Amino acid sequence: MIENVQFEVAKNTDIEGVLALQDIYLVSNMTEEEKASGFVTTPFSVEQLQEVIRQEGLFIAKDDNKIIAYIFAASWQYFSQWAIFNHMTPMLPSLSFKDFKMTDTNTFQYGPICIDKSYRGKGLINPFFDFMRIHLLKRFPVSITFINKTNLPSQKAHIEKLKWSVIGDFQFNNNNYFILAYDMGQSSL
């Protein structure tokens, strides 16, 4: 199934497909039963997508020219437009991961990632993540993300499949999150 999937750095012509996929898996659009399979929490506007595309921080997977997955991977400055990221960035220097001294300029925020449910569990996440990793390796040695503690599918994908390290946790807006880090020099394949 995934042998025909193509990975690309997103272009403005991909915005409609990204928004369509986002609409399906946005937590506010899902039933409790649907959320059990995983969800994304951050809705992106056309303008926000255009900006992340300008920064080459949006990666897509296509099957037969249809967007079936996306990964956001951008600077903390880009993500500062959402309160949760401003809550996280002051924590960076106090977090411990290997020998890295983490700041808001030598790390970036990875995520959200969204994969159409019919492509989940088929081996897509590792090569897709590695495509993004190779593109950002020259700019950032470490990637940081956070996962809602109730999002068990995302935890499994990142901790077990991609081998991210849990390096902390925090609470924001009555939700509990894990903070994870990834050494960008390490292949996920």
C-alpha atoms as a PDB file:
ATOM      1  CA  MET A   1       0.000   0.000   0.000  1.00  0.00           C
ATOM      2  CA  ILE A   2       2.735   2.495   0.873  1.00  0.00           C
ATOM      3  CA  GLU A   3       5.030   1.583  -2.008  1.00  0.00           C
ATOM      4  CA  ASN A   4       3.291   4.195  -4.208  1.00  0.00           C
ATOM      5  CA  VAL A   5       3.376   6.955  -1.583  1.00  0.00           C
ATOM      6  CA  GLN A   6       5.461  10.014  -2.488  1.00  0.00           C
ATOM      7  CA  PHE A   7       6.967  12.389   0.090  1.00  0.00           C
ATOM      8  CA  GLU A   8       7.257  16.094  -0.702  1.00  0.00           C
ATOM      9  CA  VAL A   9       7.929  19.461   0.878  1.00  0.00           C
ATOM     10  CA  ALA A  10       4.507  21.108   0.659  1.00  0.00           C
ATOM     11  CA  LYS A  11       3.672  23.865  -1.808  1.00  0.00           C
ATOM     12  CA  ASN A  12       0.791  26.351  -1.747  1.00  0.00           C
ATOM     13  CA  THR A  13      -1.084  24.105  -4.194  1.00  0.00           C
ATOM     14  CA  ASP A  14      -1.208  21.448  -1.435  1.00  0.00           C
ATOM     15  CA  ILE A  15      -3.096  23.627   1.078  1.00  0.00           C
ATOM     16  CA  GLU A  16      -6.563  22.405   0.117  1.00  0.00           C
ATOM     17  CA  GLY A  17      -5.538  18.766   0.628  1.00  0.00           C
ATOM     18  CA  VAL A  18      -3.897  19.504   3.977  1.00  0.00           C
ATOM     19  CA  LEU A  19      -7.008  21.326   5.209  1.00  0.00           C
ATOM     20  CA  ALA A  20      -9.228  18.430   4.089  1.00  0.00           C
ATOM     21  CA  LEU A  21      -7.132  15.922   6.055  1.00  0.00           C
ATOM     22  CA  GLN A  22      -6.948  18.265   9.062  1.00  0.00           C
ATOM     23  CA  ASP A  23     -10.739  18.602   9.049  1.00  0.00           C
ATOM     24  CA  ILE A  24     -11.207  14.830   9.397  1.00  0.00           C
ATOM     25  CA  TYR A  25      -8.794  14.359  12.324  1.00  0.00           C
ATOM     26  CA  LEU A  26      -9.169  17.631  14.236  1.00  0.00           C
ATOM     27  CA  VAL A  27     -10.095  16.711  17.816  1.00  0.00           C
ATOM     28  CA  SER A  28     -12.994  19.193  17.902  1.00  0.00           C
ATOM     29  CA  ASN A  29     -14.574  17.438  14.879  1.00  0.00           C
ATOM     30  CA  MET A  30     -14.325  13.897  16.265  1.00  0.00           C
ATOM     31  CA  THR A  31     -16.506  11.697  18.447  1.00  0.00           C
ATOM     32  CA  GLU A  32     -15.037  10.179  21.608  1.00  0.00           C
ATOM     33  CA  GLU A  33     -14.857   6.834  19.808  1.00  0.00           C
ATOM     34  CA  GLU A  34     -12.963   8.348  16.855  1.00  0.00           C
ATOM     35  CA  LYS A  35     -10.493  10.098  19.185  1.00  0.00           C
ATOM     36  CA  ALA A  36      -9.328   6.697  20.450  1.00  0.00           C
ATOM     37  CA  SER A  37      -7.555   6.204  17.095  1.00  0.00           C
ATOM     38  CA  GLY A  38      -5.586   9.452  17.438  1.00  0.00           C
ATOM     39  CA  PHE A  39      -6.212  13.107  16.694  1.00  0.00           C
ATOM     40  CA  VAL A  40      -4.643  16.487  16.056  1.00  0.00           C
ATOM     41  CA  THR A  41      -5.446  19.454  18.277  1.00  0.00           C
ATOM     42  CA  THR A  42      -4.113  22.497  16.414  1.00  0.00           C
ATOM     43  CA  PRO A  43      -6.251  23.864  13.558  1.00  0.00           C
ATOM     44  CA  PHE A  44      -4.264  25.735  10.896  1.00  0.00           C
ATOM     45  CA  SER A  45      -5.649  28.509   8.687  1.00  0.00           C
ATOM     46  CA  VAL A  46      -4.744  29.074   5.040  1.00  0.00           C
ATOM     47  CA  GLU A  47      -2.485  31.983   6.082  1.00  0.00           C
ATOM     48  CA  GLN A  48      -0.697  29.870   8.691  1.00  0.00           C
ATOM     49  CA  LEU A  49      -0.183  27.124   6.118  1.00  0.00           C
ATOM     50  CA  GLN A  50       1.190  29.613   3.602  1.00  0.00           C
ATOM     51  CA  GLU A  51       3.708  30.866   6.181  1.00  0.00           C
ATOM     52  CA  VAL A  52       4.937  27.401   7.211  1.00  0.00           C
ATOM     53  CA  ILE A  53       5.264  26.516   3.515  1.00  0.00           C
ATOM     54  CA  ARG A  54       7.406  29.653   3.008  1.00  0.00           C
ATOM     55  CA  GLN A  55       9.647  28.356   5.804  1.00  0.00           C
ATOM     56  CA  GLU A  56       9.763  24.874   4.226  1.00  0.00           C
ATOM     57  CA  GLY A  57       8.296  23.389   7.400  1.00  0.00           C
ATOM     58  CA  LEU A  58       5.348  21.408   6.040  1.00  0.00           C
ATOM     59  CA  PHE A  59       5.875  17.916   4.671  1.00  0.00           C
ATOM     60  CA  ILE A  60       3.250  15.826   2.916  1.00  0.00           C
ATOM     61  CA  ALA A  61       2.738  12.259   1.791  1.00  0.00           C
ATOM     62  CA  LYS A  62       0.663  11.638  -1.318  1.00  0.00           C
ATOM     63  CA  ASP A  63      -0.873   8.506  -2.765  1.00  0.00           C
ATOM     64  CA  ASP A  64      -2.229   8.869  -6.284  1.00  0.00           C
ATOM     65  CA  ASN A  65      -1.884  12.658  -5.902  1.00  0.00           C
ATOM     66  CA  LYS A  66      -4.100  12.710  -2.774  1.00  0.00           C
ATOM     67  CA  ILE A  67      -2.584  13.994   0.484  1.00  0.00           C
ATOM     68  CA  ILE A  68      -2.774  11.156   2.977  1.00  0.00           C
ATOM     69  CA  ALA A  69      -0.426  12.536   5.656  1.00  0.00           C
ATOM     70  CA  TYR A  70       1.316  15.686   6.818  1.00  0.00           C
ATOM     71  CA  ILE A  71       4.028  16.708   9.246  1.00  0.00           C
ATOM     72  CA  PHE A  72       4.548  20.223  10.572  1.00  0.00           C
ATOM     73  CA  ALA A  73       8.109  21.016  11.615  1.00  0.00           C
ATOM     74  CA  ALA A  74       8.869  24.683  12.189  1.00  0.00           C
ATOM     75  CA  SER A  75      10.681  27.150  14.397  1.00  0.00           C
ATOM     76  CA  TRP A  76       9.450  28.093  17.839  1.00  0.00           C
ATOM     77  CA  GLN A  77       9.018  31.596  16.443  1.00  0.00           C
ATOM     78  CA  TYR A  78       6.447  30.286  13.941  1.00  0.00           C
ATOM     79  CA  PHE A  79       4.607  28.354  16.643  1.00  0.00           C
ATOM     80  CA  SER A  80       4.660  31.298  19.099  1.00  0.00           C
ATOM     81  CA  GLN A  81       1.256  32.362  17.733  1.00  0.00           C
ATOM     82  CA  TRP A  82      -0.300  29.629  19.940  1.00  0.00           C
ATOM     83  CA  ALA A  83      -0.217  29.983  23.739  1.00  0.00           C
ATOM     84  CA  ILE A  84       0.834  26.399  24.474  1.00  0.00           C
ATOM     85  CA  PHE A  85       4.137  26.882  22.632  1.00  0.00           C
ATOM     86  CA  ASN A  86       4.909  30.057  24.582  1.00  0.00           C
ATOM     87  CA  HIS A  87       4.300  27.981  27.697  1.00  0.00           C
ATOM     88  CA  MET A  88       6.800  25.372  26.473  1.00  0.00           C
ATOM     89  CA  THR A  89       9.740  27.419  25.174  1.00  0.00           C
ATOM     90  CA  PRO A  90      10.869  28.755  28.587  1.00  0.00           C
ATOM     91  CA  MET A  91      11.199  25.097  29.694  1.00  0.00           C
ATOM     92  CA  LEU A  92      13.744  24.212  26.990  1.00  0.00           C
ATOM     93  CA  PRO A  93      16.976  25.187  28.830  1.00  0.00           C
ATOM     94  CA  SER A  94      15.963  23.149  31.888  1.00  0.00           C
ATOM     95  CA  LEU A  95      15.218  19.987  29.907  1.00  0.00           C
ATOM     96  CA  SER A  96      17.868  17.297  29.650  1.00  0.00           C
ATOM     97  CA  PHE A  97      18.468  15.259  26.493  1.00  0.00           C
ATOM     98  CA  LYS A  98      21.794  13.556  25.767  1.00  0.00           C
ATOM     99  CA  ASP A  99      24.478  16.278  25.772  1.00  0.00           C
ATOM    100  CA  PHE A 100      22.389  18.926  24.036  1.00  0.00           C
ATOM    101  CA  LYS A 101      21.890  22.376  25.523  1.00  0.00           C
ATOM    102  CA  MET A 102      18.434  23.119  24.186  1.00  0.00           C
ATOM    103  CA  THR A 103      17.253  26.578  23.207  1.00  0.00           C
ATOM    104  CA  ASP A 104      14.484  27.997  21.061  1.00  0.00           C
ATOM    105  CA  THR A 105      16.964  28.494  18.206  1.00  0.00           C
ATOM    106  CA  ASN A 106      18.790  25.145  18.062  1.00  0.00           C
ATOM    107  CA  THR A 107      15.622  23.051  18.407  1.00  0.00           C
ATOM    108  CA  PHE A 108      12.336  23.115  16.558  1.00  0.00           C
ATOM    109  CA  GLN A 109       8.771  22.084  17.226  1.00  0.00           C
ATOM    110  CA  TYR A 110       7.799  18.881  15.422  1.00  0.00           C
ATOM    111  CA  GLY A 111       4.123  18.270  14.888  1.00  0.00           C
ATOM    112  CA  PRO A 112       1.415  17.845  14.495  1.00  0.00           C
ATOM    113  CA  ILE A 113       1.669  14.786  12.322  1.00  0.00           C
ATOM    114  CA  CYS A 114      -1.500  13.404  10.806  1.00  0.00           C
ATOM    115  CA  ILE A 115      -1.803  10.156   8.873  1.00  0.00           C
ATOM    116  CA  ASP A 116      -5.048   9.035   7.276  1.00  0.00           C
ATOM    117  CA  LYS A 117      -6.309   6.073   9.312  1.00  0.00           C
ATOM    118  CA  SER A 118      -6.286   3.724   6.317  1.00  0.00           C
ATOM    119  CA  TYR A 119      -2.481   4.215   6.101  1.00  0.00           C
ATOM    120  CA  ARG A 120      -1.719   3.805   9.806  1.00  0.00           C
ATOM    121  CA  GLY A 121       0.180   0.732  10.935  1.00  0.00           C
ATOM    122  CA  LYS A 122       1.457   0.078   7.412  1.00  0.00           C
ATOM    123  CA  GLY A 123       5.048   1.279   7.894  1.00  0.00           C
ATOM    124  CA  LEU A 124       4.540   4.834   6.603  1.00  0.00           C
ATOM    125  CA  ILE A 125       5.576   6.803   9.674  1.00  0.00           C
ATOM    126  CA  ASN A 126       9.284   5.870   9.681  1.00  0.00           C
ATOM    127  CA  PRO A 127      10.168   6.748   6.071  1.00  0.00           C
ATOM    128  CA  PHE A 128       7.933   9.838   6.206  1.00  0.00           C
ATOM    129  CA  PHE A 129       9.553  11.045   9.426  1.00  0.00           C
ATOM    130  CA  ASP A 130      13.003  10.359   7.963  1.00  0.00           C
ATOM    131  CA  PHE A 131      12.168  12.430   4.876  1.00  0.00           C
ATOM    132  CA  MET A 132      11.387  15.390   7.166  1.00  0.00           C
ATOM    133  CA  ARG A 133      14.411  14.667   9.382  1.00  0.00           C
ATOM    134  CA  ILE A 134      16.874  14.791   6.475  1.00  0.00           C
ATOM    135  CA  HIS A 135      15.436  18.129   5.305  1.00  0.00           C
ATOM    136  CA  LEU A 136      15.805  19.764   8.729  1.00  0.00           C
ATOM    137  CA  LEU A 137      19.013  18.138   9.964  1.00  0.00           C
ATOM    138  CA  LYS A 138      21.253  20.940   8.665  1.00  0.00           C
ATOM    139  CA  ARG A 139      19.260  23.567  10.594  1.00  0.00           C
ATOM    140  CA  PHE A 140      18.439  21.793  13.853  1.00  0.00           C
ATOM    141  CA  PRO A 141      20.250  19.080  15.854  1.00  0.00           C
ATOM    142  CA  VAL A 142      17.214  18.314  18.059  1.00  0.00           C
ATOM    143  CA  SER A 143      13.484  18.118  17.563  1.00  0.00           C
ATOM    144  CA  ILE A 144      11.031  18.669  20.398  1.00  0.00           C
ATOM    145  CA  THR A 145       7.361  17.792  20.545  1.00  0.00           C
ATOM    146  CA  PHE A 146       4.610  17.226  23.046  1.00  0.00           C
ATOM    147  CA  ILE A 147       1.835  14.655  23.128  1.00  0.00           C
ATOM    148  CA  ASN A 148      -1.402  14.780  25.062  1.00  0.00           C
ATOM    149  CA  LYS A 149      -1.217  11.975  27.640  1.00  0.00           C
ATOM    150  CA  THR A 150      -4.654  10.774  26.484  1.00  0.00           C
ATOM    151  CA  ASN A 151      -3.422  10.328  22.877  1.00  0.00           C
ATOM    152  CA  LEU A 152      -2.162   6.761  23.235  1.00  0.00           C
ATOM    153  CA  PRO A 153      -1.803   6.069  19.477  1.00  0.00           C
ATOM    154  CA  SER A 154       0.534   9.061  19.118  1.00  0.00           C
ATOM    155  CA  GLN A 155       2.568   7.978  22.146  1.00  0.00           C
ATOM    156  CA  LYS A 156       2.961   4.469  20.714  1.00  0.00           C
ATOM    157  CA  ALA A 157       3.958   5.777  17.273  1.00  0.00           C
ATOM    158  CA  HIS A 158       6.549   8.209  18.595  1.00  0.00           C
ATOM    159  CA  ILE A 159       8.019   6.324  21.548  1.00  0.00           C
ATOM    160  CA  GLU A 160       7.893   2.748  20.225  1.00  0.00           C
ATOM    161  CA  LYS A 161       8.163   3.153  16.444  1.00  0.00           C
ATOM    162  CA  LEU A 162      10.245   6.316  16.052  1.00  0.00           C
ATOM    163  CA  LYS A 163      12.182   5.959  19.343  1.00  0.00           C
ATOM    164  CA  TRP A 164      11.593   9.483  20.674  1.00  0.00           C
ATOM    165  CA  SER A 165      12.699  10.059  24.282  1.00  0.00           C
ATOM    166  CA  VAL A 166      10.281  11.339  26.920  1.00  0.00           C
ATOM    167  CA  ILE A 167      12.180  14.143  28.670  1.00  0.00           C
ATOM    168  CA  GLY A 168       9.467  15.805  30.749  1.00  0.00           C
ATOM    169  CA  ASP A 169       5.839  16.659  31.111  1.00  0.00           C
ATOM    170  CA  PHE A 170       3.625  19.659  31.759  1.00  0.00           C
ATOM    171  CA  GLN A 171       0.049  20.756  32.220  1.00  0.00           C
ATOM    172  CA  PHE A 172      -1.724  23.349  30.091  1.00  0.00           C
ATOM    173  CA  ASN A 173      -5.427  24.240  29.868  1.00  0.00           C
ATOM    174  CA  ASN A 174      -6.395  21.295  32.071  1.00  0.00           C
ATOM    175  CA  ASN A 175      -4.573  18.828  29.804  1.00  0.00           C
ATOM    176  CA  ASN A 176      -1.477  16.803  30.636  1.00  0.00           C
ATOM    177  CA  TYR A 177       1.336  16.412  28.097  1.00  0.00           C
ATOM    178  CA  PHE A 178       4.578  14.514  27.676  1.00  0.00           C
ATOM    179  CA  ILE A 179       7.573  16.431  26.270  1.00  0.00           C
ATOM    180  CA  LEU A 180       9.643  14.360  23.844  1.00  0.00           C
ATOM    181  CA  ALA A 181      12.977  14.910  22.114  1.00  0.00           C
ATOM    182  CA  TYR A 182      14.629  13.372  19.064  1.00  0.00           C
ATOM    183  CA  ASP A 183      18.273  13.473  17.960  1.00  0.00           C
ATOM    184  CA  MET A 184      18.004  14.593  14.331  1.00  0.00           C
ATOM    185  CA  GLY A 185      21.309  12.881  13.504  1.00  0.00           C
ATOM    186  CA  GLN A 186      19.694   9.490  14.163  1.00  0.00           C
ATOM    187  CA  SER A 187      17.825   7.767  11.315  1.00  0.00           C
ATOM    188  CA  SER A 188      14.393   6.394  12.166  1.00  0.00           C
ATOM    189  CA  LEU A 189      14.685   3.615   9.579  1.00  0.00           C
END
